[in-house]
């Protein structure tokens, strides 16, 4: 099992950038595909991006494609989400989780952490 702690969120102006980190605890981190999800106020949690065990496969929601980049460092048990050209529509709590597949359709495997808040001002 892998448990994760998200960090790196904050308040940023539209057009700015943030880098989120997801530190996972568990010796089997490198055996899991990982995904980032987000939940905006009043909306359901939605898929953002995913990455395969080795990092060779990445997949993105259409809304973030070309702006966000997911990556991982298995030596550090960490997955990252680099977010560029942020817009107010990206405002949400961001979560990471283990997932069944590195591309859609995929399902989450583990429990949710506390997430990290990203707020983009106009």
Protein backbone atom coordinates (compact mmCIF):
# COMPACT_ATOMS: atom_id res chain seq x y z
CA UNK A 1 0.00 0.00 0.00
CA UNK A 2 1.03 3.58 -0.64
CA UNK A 3 -0.05 6.60 1.33
CA UNK A 4 0.57 10.03 -0.06
CA UNK A 5 0.99 13.64 1.12
CA UNK A 6 0.39 16.46 -1.34
CA UNK A 7 2.13 19.84 -1.13
CA UNK A 8 3.10 22.86 -3.18
CA UNK A 9 -0.25 24.56 -3.58
CA UNK A 10 -0.86 28.23 -3.01
CA UNK A 11 -2.25 31.47 -4.38
CA UNK A 12 -1.04 32.53 -7.81
CA UNK A 13 -2.13 35.04 -10.42
CA UNK A 14 -3.54 33.96 -13.74
CA UNK A 15 -0.74 33.05 -16.12
CA UNK A 16 1.50 31.94 -13.29
CA UNK A 17 2.98 28.56 -12.43
CA UNK A 18 3.06 26.14 -9.54
CA UNK A 19 4.73 22.81 -8.96
CA UNK A 20 2.87 20.30 -6.86
CA UNK A 21 4.53 17.37 -5.12
CA UNK A 22 3.09 14.12 -3.89
CA UNK A 23 5.33 12.30 -1.45
CA UNK A 24 4.39 8.68 -1.09
CA UNK A 25 5.18 6.41 1.80
CA UNK A 26 5.61 2.78 0.95
CA UNK A 27 8.34 0.59 -0.41
CA UNK A 28 6.21 -0.38 -3.40
CA UNK A 29 5.80 3.15 -4.81
CA UNK A 30 7.65 2.32 -8.03
CA UNK A 31 5.21 -0.51 -8.78
CA UNK A 32 2.20 1.82 -8.99
CA UNK A 33 0.84 4.00 -11.73
CA UNK A 34 0.07 7.40 -10.24
CA UNK A 35 -2.53 10.03 -10.98
CA UNK A 36 -3.40 13.62 -10.09
CA UNK A 37 -7.01 14.63 -9.55
CA UNK A 38 -8.67 17.89 -8.57
CA UNK A 39 -11.90 19.00 -6.98
CA UNK A 40 -13.18 22.49 -7.66
CA UNK A 41 -15.73 24.13 -5.36
CA UNK A 42 -19.15 22.61 -5.88
CA UNK A 43 -17.88 20.02 -8.35
CA UNK A 44 -16.95 16.38 -8.27
CA UNK A 45 -13.35 15.25 -8.17
CA UNK A 46 -11.96 14.99 -11.69
CA UNK A 47 -8.99 13.37 -13.39
CA UNK A 48 -6.08 15.67 -14.28
CA UNK A 49 -3.10 13.54 -15.29
CA UNK A 50 -1.51 10.13 -14.84
CA UNK A 51 1.87 8.49 -15.23
CA UNK A 52 3.06 4.92 -15.57
CA UNK A 53 5.34 3.09 -13.13
CA UNK A 54 8.53 4.02 -14.97
CA UNK A 55 7.33 7.40 -16.19
CA UNK A 56 7.40 6.38 -19.83
CA UNK A 57 3.66 6.92 -20.32
CA UNK A 58 1.79 10.08 -19.37
CA UNK A 59 -1.80 11.09 -20.00
CA UNK A 60 -3.69 14.33 -19.51
CA UNK A 61 -7.19 15.65 -19.33
CA UNK A 62 -7.96 17.84 -22.34
CA UNK A 63 -8.40 20.86 -20.08
CA UNK A 64 -4.75 20.79 -18.96
CA UNK A 65 -3.00 19.28 -21.97
CA UNK A 66 -0.09 21.46 -23.07
CA UNK A 67 -0.05 23.39 -19.78
CA UNK A 68 0.55 20.73 -17.12
CA UNK A 69 3.33 18.15 -16.93
CA UNK A 70 3.31 15.10 -14.70
CA UNK A 71 6.59 13.42 -13.73
CA UNK A 72 7.95 11.14 -11.05
CA UNK A 73 11.14 10.33 -9.21
CA UNK A 74 10.98 6.77 -7.92
CA UNK A 75 14.18 7.20 -5.93
CA UNK A 76 12.41 9.91 -3.94
CA UNK A 77 9.00 8.23 -3.92
CA UNK A 78 7.54 11.42 -5.33
CA UNK A 79 5.29 12.39 -8.21
CA UNK A 80 5.11 15.98 -9.45
CA UNK A 81 2.67 18.15 -11.33
CA UNK A 82 4.15 21.19 -13.03
CA UNK A 83 1.35 23.63 -13.80
CA UNK A 84 1.92 26.51 -16.19
CA UNK A 85 -0.34 29.18 -17.69
CA UNK A 86 -2.77 28.80 -14.82
CA UNK A 87 -6.29 30.17 -15.11
CA UNK A 88 -8.98 30.75 -12.46
CA UNK A 89 -10.66 27.57 -13.77
CA UNK A 90 -7.71 25.61 -12.36
CA UNK A 91 -8.67 26.64 -8.82
CA UNK A 92 -9.25 23.44 -6.87
CA UNK A 93 -7.90 21.09 -4.26
CA UNK A 94 -5.40 18.79 -5.94
CA UNK A 95 -4.93 15.17 -4.90
CA UNK A 96 -2.73 12.32 -5.99
CA UNK A 97 -3.49 8.62 -5.79
CA UNK A 98 -2.42 5.27 -7.11
CA UNK A 99 -4.35 4.28 -10.23
CA UNK A 100 -5.00 1.08 -12.12
CA UNK A 101 -3.89 2.29 -15.57
CA UNK A 102 -1.60 5.12 -16.72
CA UNK A 103 -4.23 6.20 -19.27
CA UNK A 104 -7.99 6.57 -19.23
CA UNK A 105 -10.09 4.74 -18.32
CA UNK A 106 -8.49 4.32 -14.94
CA UNK A 107 -9.61 3.92 -11.37
CA UNK A 108 -8.04 4.99 -8.14
CA UNK A 109 -6.75 2.29 -5.82
CA UNK A 110 -5.94 3.93 -2.53
CA UNK A 111 -7.47 6.33 -0.07
CA UNK A 112 -7.36 10.08 -0.58
CA UNK A 113 -4.97 12.34 1.25
CA UNK A 114 -5.71 15.87 2.38
CA UNK A 115 -4.79 17.39 -0.94
CA UNK A 116 -3.23 20.78 -1.59
CA UNK A 117 -5.21 23.92 -2.37
CA UNK A 118 -4.47 25.81 -5.58
CA UNK A 119 -6.11 29.20 -6.00
CA UNK A 120 -5.67 31.21 -9.19
CA UNK A 121 -6.72 34.83 -9.10
CA UNK A 122 -7.76 36.77 -12.19
